[in-house]
C-alpha atoms as a PDB file:
ATOM      1  CA  MET A   1       0.000   0.000   0.000  1.00  0.00           C
ATOM      2  CA  THR A   2       1.346   3.467  -0.864  1.00  0.00           C
ATOM      3  CA  THR A   3       1.868   6.160   1.733  1.00  0.00           C
ATOM      4  CA  ALA A   4      -0.892   8.165   0.068  1.00  0.00           C
ATOM      5  CA  ALA A   5      -3.307   5.288   0.534  1.00  0.00           C
ATOM      6  CA  LEU A   6      -2.314   4.978   4.173  1.00  0.00           C
ATOM      7  CA  LEU A   7      -3.026   8.626   4.795  1.00  0.00           C
ATOM      8  CA  ARG A   8      -6.350   8.476   2.991  1.00  0.00           C
ATOM      9  CA  ARG A   9      -7.342   5.527   5.163  1.00  0.00           C
ATOM     10  CA  ARG A  10      -6.379   7.335   8.345  1.00  0.00           C
ATOM     11  CA  PHE A  11      -8.311  10.452   7.296  1.00  0.00           C
ATOM     12  CA  SER A  12     -11.357   8.263   6.694  1.00  0.00           C
ATOM     13  CA  HIS A  13     -10.661   6.515  10.013  1.00  0.00           C
ATOM     14  CA  ALA A  14     -11.022   9.775  11.921  1.00  0.00           C
ATOM     15  CA  PHE A  15     -13.956  11.252  10.014  1.00  0.00           C
ATOM     16  CA  ALA A  16     -16.593   8.689   9.020  1.00  0.00           C
ATOM     17  CA  SER A  17     -19.426  10.273   7.025  1.00  0.00           C
ATOM     18  CA  LEU A  18     -22.955  10.723   8.269  1.00  0.00           C
ATOM     19  CA  ALA A  19     -24.201   8.991   5.150  1.00  0.00           C
ATOM     20  CA  PHE A  20     -22.178   5.891   5.962  1.00  0.00           C
ATOM     21  CA  ALA A  21     -23.433   5.834   9.532  1.00  0.00           C
ATOM     22  CA  GLY A  22     -27.034   6.131   8.426  1.00  0.00           C
ATOM     23  CA  ALA A  23     -26.688   3.245   6.030  1.00  0.00           C
ATOM     24  CA  ALA A  24     -24.946   1.117   8.630  1.00  0.00           C
ATOM     25  CA  LEU A  25     -27.624   1.623  11.261  1.00  0.00           C
ATOM     26  CA  SER A  26     -30.016  -0.662   9.434  1.00  0.00           C
ATOM     27  CA  ALA A  27     -27.385  -3.404   9.325  1.00  0.00           C
ATOM     28  CA  PHE A  28     -27.000  -3.207  13.089  1.00  0.00           C
ATOM     29  CA  ALA A  29     -30.713  -3.374  13.899  1.00  0.00           C
ATOM     30  CA  PRO A  30     -31.221  -5.316  17.153  1.00  0.00           C
ATOM     31  CA  LEU A  31     -31.556  -9.035  16.590  1.00  0.00           C
ATOM     32  CA  ALA A  32     -31.954 -11.905  19.027  1.00  0.00           C
ATOM     33  CA  HIS A  33     -28.561 -13.560  19.325  1.00  0.00           C
ATOM     34  CA  ALA A  34     -26.459 -15.501  21.771  1.00  0.00           C
ATOM     35  CA  ASP A  35     -24.138 -13.647  24.095  1.00  0.00           C
ATOM     36  CA  ALA A  36     -20.939 -13.024  22.125  1.00  0.00           C
ATOM     37  CA  LEU A  37     -18.571 -13.962  24.946  1.00  0.00           C
ATOM     38  CA  ASP A  38     -20.347 -17.296  25.464  1.00  0.00           C
ATOM     39  CA  THR A  39     -20.236 -17.978  21.724  1.00  0.00           C
ATOM     40  CA  ILE A  40     -16.503 -17.231  21.551  1.00  0.00           C
ATOM     41  CA  THR A  41     -15.743 -19.345  24.606  1.00  0.00           C
ATOM     42  CA  LYS A  42     -17.772 -22.287  23.293  1.00  0.00           C
ATOM     43  CA  ALA A  43     -16.109 -22.118  19.866  1.00  0.00           C
ATOM     44  CA  GLY A  44     -12.650 -21.675  21.386  1.00  0.00           C
ATOM     45  CA  VAL A  45     -11.913 -18.994  18.778  1.00  0.00           C
ATOM     46  CA  VAL A  46     -12.175 -15.209  18.620  1.00  0.00           C
ATOM     47  CA  ARG A  47     -12.321 -13.708  15.132  1.00  0.00           C
ATOM     48  CA  VAL A  48     -10.575 -10.355  14.983  1.00  0.00           C
ATOM     49  CA  GLY A  49     -10.948  -8.085  11.968  1.00  0.00           C
ATOM     50  CA  VAL A  50      -7.636  -6.448  11.020  1.00  0.00           C
ATOM     51  CA  PHE A  51      -6.161  -4.619   8.057  1.00  0.00           C
ATOM     52  CA  MET A  52      -3.448  -6.720   6.420  1.00  0.00           C
ATOM     53  CA  ASP A  53      -2.178  -3.911   4.192  1.00  0.00           C
ATOM     54  CA  TYR A  54      -1.712  -1.217   6.815  1.00  0.00           C
ATOM     55  CA  PRO A  55       1.817  -1.220   8.282  1.00  0.00           C
ATOM     56  CA  PRO A  56       2.856  -0.876  11.031  1.00  0.00           C
ATOM     57  CA  PHE A  57      -0.557  -1.949  12.382  1.00  0.00           C
ATOM     58  CA  GLY A  58      -1.036  -4.955  10.115  1.00  0.00           C
ATOM     59  CA  SER A  59       0.858  -6.424   7.171  1.00  0.00           C
ATOM     60  CA  ILE A  60       2.387  -9.639   5.857  1.00  0.00           C
ATOM     61  CA  GLY A  61       5.976 -10.067   6.998  1.00  0.00           C
ATOM     62  CA  PRO A  62       8.967 -11.562   5.159  1.00  0.00           C
ATOM     63  CA  ASP A  63       8.003 -14.980   6.552  1.00  0.00           C
ATOM     64  CA  MET A  64       4.529 -14.560   4.953  1.00  0.00           C
ATOM     65  CA  LYS A  65       2.921 -14.352   8.403  1.00  0.00           C
ATOM     66  CA  PRO A  66       0.774 -11.438   9.640  1.00  0.00           C
ATOM     67  CA  GLN A  67       2.650  -8.928  11.764  1.00  0.00           C
ATOM     68  CA  GLY A  68       2.070  -5.542  13.346  1.00  0.00           C
ATOM     69  CA  TYR A  69       0.663  -3.639  16.278  1.00  0.00           C
ATOM     70  CA  ASP A  70      -2.877  -4.947  15.767  1.00  0.00           C
ATOM     71  CA  ILE A  71      -1.679  -8.528  15.359  1.00  0.00           C
ATOM     72  CA  ASP A  72       0.040  -8.344  18.752  1.00  0.00           C
ATOM     73  CA  VAL A  73      -3.069  -6.793  20.331  1.00  0.00           C
ATOM     74  CA  ALA A  74      -5.310  -9.469  18.800  1.00  0.00           C
ATOM     75  CA  ASN A  75      -3.088 -12.137  20.353  1.00  0.00           C
ATOM     76  CA  LEU A  76      -3.270 -10.364  23.725  1.00  0.00           C
ATOM     77  CA  ILE A  77      -7.065 -10.428  23.574  1.00  0.00           C
ATOM     78  CA  GLY A  78      -7.131 -14.090  22.551  1.00  0.00           C
ATOM     79  CA  LYS A  79      -4.832 -15.025  25.429  1.00  0.00           C
ATOM     80  CA  SER A  80      -6.999 -13.085  27.879  1.00  0.00           C
ATOM     81  CA  LEU A  81     -10.128 -14.862  26.642  1.00  0.00           C
ATOM     82  CA  GLY A  82      -8.374 -18.241  26.711  1.00  0.00           C
ATOM     83  CA  VAL A  83      -9.128 -18.940  23.046  1.00  0.00           C
ATOM     84  CA  LYS A  84      -7.337 -19.135  19.704  1.00  0.00           C
ATOM     85  CA  VAL A  85      -7.189 -16.063  17.476  1.00  0.00           C
ATOM     86  CA  GLU A  86      -8.509 -16.133  13.924  1.00  0.00           C
ATOM     87  CA  LEU A  87      -7.377 -13.051  12.031  1.00  0.00           C
ATOM     88  CA  VAL A  88     -10.011 -11.866   9.565  1.00  0.00           C
ATOM     89  CA  ALA A  89      -8.607  -9.663   6.790  1.00  0.00           C
ATOM     90  CA  VAL A  90     -10.897  -6.679   6.295  1.00  0.00           C
ATOM     91  CA  THR A  91     -10.999  -3.516   4.213  1.00  0.00           C
ATOM     92  CA  GLY A  92     -12.307  -0.067   5.000  1.00  0.00           C
ATOM     93  CA  ASP A  93     -15.360  -0.810   2.867  1.00  0.00           C
ATOM     94  CA  ASN A  94     -16.376  -4.200   4.279  1.00  0.00           C
ATOM     95  CA  ARG A  95     -15.280  -4.300   7.892  1.00  0.00           C
ATOM     96  CA  MET A  96     -18.436  -2.812   9.431  1.00  0.00           C
ATOM     97  CA  ALA A  97     -20.543  -5.297   7.482  1.00  0.00           C
ATOM     98  CA  TYR A  98     -18.291  -8.151   8.649  1.00  0.00           C
ATOM     99  CA  LEU A  99     -18.929  -7.127  12.248  1.00  0.00           C
ATOM    100  CA  ALA A 100     -22.678  -6.759  11.721  1.00  0.00           C
ATOM    101  CA  ASP A 101     -22.883 -10.169  10.005  1.00  0.00           C
ATOM    102  CA  HIS A 102     -20.766 -11.793  12.765  1.00  0.00           C
ATOM    103  CA  LYS A 103     -17.999 -12.716  10.341  1.00  0.00           C
ATOM    104  CA  ALA A 104     -15.765 -10.972  12.883  1.00  0.00           C
ATOM    105  CA  ASP A 105     -16.333 -10.722  16.628  1.00  0.00           C
ATOM    106  CA  MET A 106     -14.485  -7.421  16.872  1.00  0.00           C
ATOM    107  CA  LEU A 107     -12.507  -4.940  14.789  1.00  0.00           C
ATOM    108  CA  LEU A 108      -9.188  -3.261  15.492  1.00  0.00           C
ATOM    109  CA  SER A 109      -7.973   0.198  14.409  1.00  0.00           C
ATOM    110  CA  VAL A 110     -11.367   1.850  14.724  1.00  0.00           C
ATOM    111  CA  GLY A 111     -11.567   5.588  15.310  1.00  0.00           C
ATOM    112  CA  GLN A 112     -14.365   6.701  17.630  1.00  0.00           C
ATOM    113  CA  THR A 113     -16.751   9.268  16.172  1.00  0.00           C
ATOM    114  CA  PRO A 114     -20.290  10.338  17.138  1.00  0.00           C
ATOM    115  CA  GLU A 115     -21.623   8.734  13.952  1.00  0.00           C
ATOM    116  CA  ARG A 116     -20.003   5.378  14.677  1.00  0.00           C
ATOM    117  CA  GLU A 117     -21.184   5.464  18.294  1.00  0.00           C
ATOM    118  CA  LYS A 118     -24.715   5.083  16.937  1.00  0.00           C
ATOM    119  CA  VAL A 119     -23.694   1.854  15.246  1.00  0.00           C
ATOM    120  CA  ILE A 120     -21.112   0.031  17.369  1.00  0.00           C
ATOM    121  CA  ASP A 121     -19.564   0.069  20.843  1.00  0.00           C
ATOM    122  CA  PHE A 122     -15.968   1.002  21.576  1.00  0.00           C
ATOM    123  CA  SER A 123     -13.366  -0.256  24.006  1.00  0.00           C
ATOM    124  CA  GLN A 124     -11.082   2.140  25.778  1.00  0.00           C
ATOM    125  CA  PRO A 125      -8.267   3.284  23.454  1.00  0.00           C
ATOM    126  CA  TYR A 126      -5.382   0.882  22.924  1.00  0.00           C
ATOM    127  CA  ALA A 127      -3.186   2.675  20.384  1.00  0.00           C
ATOM    128  CA  PRO A 128      -2.379   6.284  19.578  1.00  0.00           C
ATOM    129  CA  TYR A 129      -3.183   7.885  16.274  1.00  0.00           C
ATOM    130  CA  TYR A 130      -2.325  11.495  15.731  1.00  0.00           C
ATOM    131  CA  LEU A 131      -0.770  13.889  13.284  1.00  0.00           C
ATOM    132  CA  ALA A 132       2.753  14.929  14.155  1.00  0.00           C
ATOM    133  CA  VAL A 133       5.623  17.108  13.014  1.00  0.00           C
ATOM    134  CA  PHE A 134       8.671  15.061  12.017  1.00  0.00           C
ATOM    135  CA  GLY A 135      12.191  16.261  11.370  1.00  0.00           C
ATOM    136  CA  PRO A 136      15.884  15.383  11.779  1.00  0.00           C
ATOM    137  CA  LYS A 137      17.200  14.926  15.303  1.00  0.00           C
ATOM    138  CA  SER A 138      19.720  17.683  14.702  1.00  0.00           C
ATOM    139  CA  LEU A 139      16.945  20.273  14.302  1.00  0.00           C
ATOM    140  CA  LYS A 140      15.573  21.641  17.572  1.00  0.00           C
ATOM    141  CA  VAL A 141      11.770  21.741  17.405  1.00  0.00           C
ATOM    142  CA  LYS A 142       9.710  21.214  20.567  1.00  0.00           C
ATOM    143  CA  ASP A 143       6.485  23.079  19.901  1.00  0.00           C
ATOM    144  CA  ALA A 144       4.631  25.317  17.448  1.00  0.00           C
ATOM    145  CA  ASN A 145       6.799  28.341  18.297  1.00  0.00           C
ATOM    146  CA  ASP A 146       9.858  26.498  17.024  1.00  0.00           C
ATOM    147  CA  LEU A 147       8.304  26.271  13.553  1.00  0.00           C
ATOM    148  CA  ALA A 148       9.165  29.932  13.035  1.00  0.00           C
ATOM    149  CA  GLY A 149      11.447  30.298  10.034  1.00  0.00           C
ATOM    150  CA  LYS A 150      11.281  26.563   9.247  1.00  0.00           C
ATOM    151  CA  SER A 151      10.143  24.956   5.997  1.00  0.00           C
ATOM    152  CA  ILE A 152       7.406  22.331   6.384  1.00  0.00           C
ATOM    153  CA  SER A 153       5.906  20.006   3.790  1.00  0.00           C
ATOM    154  CA  VAL A 154       2.244  18.949   3.774  1.00  0.00           C
ATOM    155  CA  ALA A 155      -0.260  17.562   1.304  1.00  0.00           C
ATOM    156  CA  ARG A 156      -2.433  20.441   0.134  1.00  0.00           C
ATOM    157  CA  GLY A 157      -5.924  20.685   1.628  1.00  0.00           C
ATOM    158  CA  THR A 158      -5.539  17.725   3.991  1.00  0.00           C
ATOM    159  CA  LEU A 159      -6.074  17.590   7.740  1.00  0.00           C
ATOM    160  CA  GLU A 160      -2.300  17.837   8.040  1.00  0.00           C
ATOM    161  CA  ASP A 161      -2.357  21.108   6.107  1.00  0.00           C
ATOM    162  CA  LEU A 162      -5.222  22.552   8.160  1.00  0.00           C
ATOM    163  CA  SER A 163      -3.712  21.507  11.494  1.00  0.00           C
ATOM    164  CA  VAL A 164      -0.230  22.932  10.988  1.00  0.00           C
ATOM    165  CA  THR A 165      -1.498  26.086   9.283  1.00  0.00           C
ATOM    166  CA  LYS A 166      -3.635  26.789  12.346  1.00  0.00           C
ATOM    167  CA  ILE A 167      -0.726  26.737  14.797  1.00  0.00           C
ATOM    168  CA  ALA A 168       2.339  27.753  12.753  1.00  0.00           C
ATOM    169  CA  PRO A 169       3.879  31.210  13.285  1.00  0.00           C
ATOM    170  CA  PRO A 170       3.619  33.651  10.343  1.00  0.00           C
ATOM    171  CA  SER A 171       7.287  33.156   9.451  1.00  0.00           C
ATOM    172  CA  ALA A 172       6.899  29.397   8.963  1.00  0.00           C
ATOM    173  CA  ASN A 173       7.269  28.376   5.325  1.00  0.00           C
ATOM    174  CA  ILE A 174       4.546  25.783   4.693  1.00  0.00           C
ATOM    175  CA  LYS A 175       5.132  24.131   1.332  1.00  0.00           C
ATOM    176  CA  ARG A 176       2.034  22.401  -0.014  1.00  0.00           C
ATOM    177  CA  PHE A 177       2.238  19.462  -2.406  1.00  0.00           C
ATOM    178  CA  ASP A 178      -0.452  17.818  -4.501  1.00  0.00           C
ATOM    179  CA  ASP A 179      -0.355  14.525  -2.605  1.00  0.00           C
ATOM    180  CA  PRO A 180       1.175  12.982   0.548  1.00  0.00           C
ATOM    181  CA  ASN A 181       3.915  11.207  -1.390  1.00  0.00           C
ATOM    182  CA  GLY A 182       5.098  14.547  -2.740  1.00  0.00           C
ATOM    183  CA  ALA A 183       5.232  16.020   0.754  1.00  0.00           C
ATOM    184  CA  ILE A 184       7.168  13.043   2.113  1.00  0.00           C
ATOM    185  CA  SER A 185       9.590  12.959  -0.825  1.00  0.00           C
ATOM    186  CA  ALA A 186      10.319  16.653  -0.323  1.00  0.00           C
ATOM    187  CA  PHE A 187      11.329  15.965   3.266  1.00  0.00           C
ATOM    188  CA  LEU A 188      13.409  12.878   2.486  1.00  0.00           C
ATOM    189  CA  SER A 189      15.262  14.693  -0.323  1.00  0.00           C
ATOM    190  CA  GLY A 190      16.054  17.700   1.875  1.00  0.00           C
ATOM    191  CA  GLN A 191      13.827  20.199   0.066  1.00  0.00           C
ATOM    192  CA  VAL A 192      12.171  21.030   3.395  1.00  0.00           C
ATOM    193  CA  GLN A 193      13.272  20.761   7.017  1.00  0.00           C
ATOM    194  CA  LEU A 194      10.090  19.264   8.476  1.00  0.00           C
ATOM    195  CA  MET A 195       6.942  17.394   7.444  1.00  0.00           C
ATOM    196  CA  VAL A 196       3.530  16.715   8.954  1.00  0.00           C
ATOM    197  CA  VAL A 197       2.124  13.155   8.676  1.00  0.00           C
ATOM    198  CA  GLY A 198       0.264  10.604  10.802  1.00  0.00           C
ATOM    199  CA  ASN A 199       2.264   8.769  13.468  1.00  0.00           C
ATOM    200  CA  ASP A 200       1.694   5.475  11.613  1.00  0.00           C
ATOM    201  CA  VAL A 201       3.256   6.792   8.416  1.00  0.00           C
ATOM    202  CA  GLY A 202       5.948   8.482  10.468  1.00  0.00           C
ATOM    203  CA  ALA A 203       6.858   5.185  12.133  1.00  0.00           C
ATOM    204  CA  THR A 204       7.232   3.524   8.742  1.00  0.00           C
ATOM    205  CA  ILE A 205       9.478   6.339   7.540  1.00  0.00           C
ATOM    206  CA  LEU A 206      11.638   6.137  10.658  1.00  0.00           C
ATOM    207  CA  ALA A 207      12.083   2.408  10.082  1.00  0.00           C
ATOM    208  CA  ARG A 208      12.880   2.655   6.373  1.00  0.00           C
ATOM    209  CA  HIS A 209      14.985   5.805   6.218  1.00  0.00           C
ATOM    210  CA  PRO A 210      17.467   5.765   9.094  1.00  0.00           C
ATOM    211  CA  ALA A 211      19.975   7.719   7.018  1.00  0.00           C
ATOM    212  CA  ASN A 212      17.727  10.767   7.294  1.00  0.00           C
ATOM    213  CA  ASP A 213      17.775  10.373  11.087  1.00  0.00           C
ATOM    214  CA  PRO A 214      14.179  11.579  11.491  1.00  0.00           C
ATOM    215  CA  GLU A 215      12.250  11.780  14.752  1.00  0.00           C
ATOM    216  CA  GLN A 216       8.851  12.896  15.944  1.00  0.00           C
ATOM    217  CA  LYS A 217       8.958  16.469  17.238  1.00  0.00           C
ATOM    218  CA  PHE A 218       5.448  17.081  18.627  1.00  0.00           C
ATOM    219  CA  SER A 219       1.887  15.975  17.963  1.00  0.00           C
ATOM    220  CA  LEU A 220      -1.128  17.811  16.576  1.00  0.00           C
ATOM    221  CA  PHE A 221      -4.615  16.367  15.971  1.00  0.00           C
ATOM    222  CA  SER A 222      -5.350  13.123  17.878  1.00  0.00           C
ATOM    223  CA  SER A 223      -7.841  10.304  17.215  1.00  0.00           C
ATOM    224  CA  PRO A 224      -6.750   7.124  19.051  1.00  0.00           C
ATOM    225  CA  ASP A 225      -7.588   3.586  17.996  1.00  0.00           C
ATOM    226  CA  HIS A 226     -10.235   1.501  19.762  1.00  0.00           C
ATOM    227  CA  VAL A 227     -11.573  -2.039  19.492  1.00  0.00           C
ATOM    228  CA  GLY A 228     -14.989  -1.927  17.834  1.00  0.00           C
ATOM    229  CA  LEU A 229     -17.700  -4.406  18.890  1.00  0.00           C
ATOM    230  CA  ASN A 230     -21.340  -5.004  18.134  1.00  0.00           C
ATOM    231  CA  LYS A 231     -23.680  -3.156  20.464  1.00  0.00           C
ATOM    232  CA  ASN A 232     -25.219  -4.798  23.518  1.00  0.00           C
ATOM    233  CA  GLU A 233     -22.292  -7.112  24.284  1.00  0.00           C
ATOM    234  CA  PRO A 234     -21.327  -5.762  27.733  1.00  0.00           C
ATOM    235  CA  ARG A 235     -19.535  -8.915  28.942  1.00  0.00           C
ATOM    236  CA  LEU A 236     -17.253  -9.086  25.913  1.00  0.00           C
ATOM    237  CA  LEU A 237     -16.624  -5.332  26.047  1.00  0.00           C
ATOM    238  CA  LYS A 238     -15.687  -5.618  29.725  1.00  0.00           C
ATOM    239  CA  LYS A 239     -13.179  -8.412  29.003  1.00  0.00           C
ATOM    240  CA  VAL A 240     -11.581  -6.388  26.206  1.00  0.00           C
ATOM    241  CA  ASP A 241     -11.362  -3.289  28.394  1.00  0.00           C
ATOM    242  CA  GLU A 242      -9.822  -5.335  31.216  1.00  0.00           C
ATOM    243  CA  THR A 243      -7.227  -6.728  28.789  1.00  0.00           C
ATOM    244  CA  ILE A 244      -6.279  -3.272  27.553  1.00  0.00           C
ATOM    245  CA  ALA A 245      -6.101  -1.824  31.070  1.00  0.00           C
ATOM    246  CA  ARG A 246      -3.955  -4.689  32.339  1.00  0.00           C
ATOM    247  CA  SER A 247      -1.624  -4.511  29.328  1.00  0.00           C
ATOM    248  CA  ARG A 248      -1.156  -0.786  29.794  1.00  0.00           C
ATOM    249  CA  LYS A 249      -0.490  -1.167  33.518  1.00  0.00           C
ATOM    250  CA  ASP A 250       2.092  -3.937  33.188  1.00  0.00           C
ATOM    251  CA  GLY A 251       3.911  -2.258  30.278  1.00  0.00           C
ATOM    252  CA  THR A 252       2.964  -4.776  27.596  1.00  0.00           C
ATOM    253  CA  MET A 253       1.046  -2.256  25.495  1.00  0.00           C
ATOM    254  CA  ASN A 254       3.843   0.293  25.801  1.00  0.00           C
ATOM    255  CA  ALA A 255       6.304  -2.329  24.545  1.00  0.00           C
ATOM    256  CA  ILE A 256       4.059  -2.964  21.523  1.00  0.00           C
ATOM    257  CA  SER A 257       3.943   0.771  20.823  1.00  0.00           C
ATOM    258  CA  GLN A 258       7.719   1.057  21.071  1.00  0.00           C
ATOM    259  CA  LYS A 259       8.149  -1.956  18.796  1.00  0.00           C
ATOM    260  CA  TRP A 260       5.816  -0.875  15.992  1.00  0.00           C
ATOM    261  CA  LEU A 261       5.368   2.911  16.316  1.00  0.00           C
ATOM    262  CA  ARG A 262       8.863   3.615  17.668  1.00  0.00           C
ATOM    263  CA  ALA A 263       7.356   5.806  20.364  1.00  0.00           C
ATOM    264  CA  PRO A 264       5.949   5.212  23.871  1.00  0.00           C
ATOM    265  CA  LEU A 265       2.243   5.289  24.568  1.00  0.00           C
ATOM    266  CA  PRO A 266       1.151   8.856  25.269  1.00  0.00           C
ATOM    267  CA  GLU A 267       0.400   9.472  28.928  1.00  0.00           C
ATOM    268  CA  ASN A 268      -3.020  10.905  28.038  1.00  0.00           C
ATOM    269  CA  LEU A 269      -4.120   7.961  25.854  1.00  0.00           C
END
C-alpha cells in the first residue's frame, strides 16, 4: 500500500461520514442472538478483523505471516479470553458489514466518532493515532513556536495542512504538495526541514529511512484507535477493556507501541 493510501485511510478513520453511519444503522438493527462472549468461549476462537495492508498496524511479513501492532493486540485479547485467534482480513469498505454479520467478533484500528457510536460500541483506546511534526534529530523543534522560520511540507488541503497552518507562526514556510507522497519525498530529499504526517506513516518512515535520522517532534490532531464491537455485548466489552487496562499497567502495550510505532504510549491515551 502506498503512503498516500495509508493517509487516505487514516483520514477516513477519523472522520466517518454521516451517510455511511445512516446506512450502517439498518445493518445493526437489534436481533436476538447468543451472548458473544459465550459464543466465543464455546467455539474456542475469537475472530478479529484487522487490516493486512496497513503497516505498522497490520501487514504480511517476510516470513509470509501477519505482523504488526494490531496482530500483537489481537493475540493479547485471545490469550486473555483463553481462546485461539482467527485473524479476519478486512478492508475499509467491508469491515463494518463483517462485524454486523458476525464474520468478525471485533474490529481493530477503529476511530471513535459520534456517527459510529450510533452503530457500534468502543473499548477504551489501545493505540495512539495522531498527526505529528517530524524532522531530523539535529533540528531543535519542541512546539509550534519552534516552527518559526522553518520549511514544512504537507499535502495540500488535507487535515495535516489545516492543522499545521492553524498553529504555525507567520514566518513558517509551509510548502504544499499535490499529494502525501510529494510532501514526504520533499522531506526525504532535503527540500524542506520538516513534514507533517500521521504517526503510523511516520513510524514507517523512521524504520525505512534511518539515514535521514528523522524523529517525531510534537503531535497535533489526535484520534486514538479503539476495538470496535457489536452493540449490547457488555460482557465481551468488559473483558476487552480489562485486557487493555492490564496490558497498559504492566507495560505490555507500551512495549508494543515502542516496537511498531517507535514511540511510547502517550500518557493521556
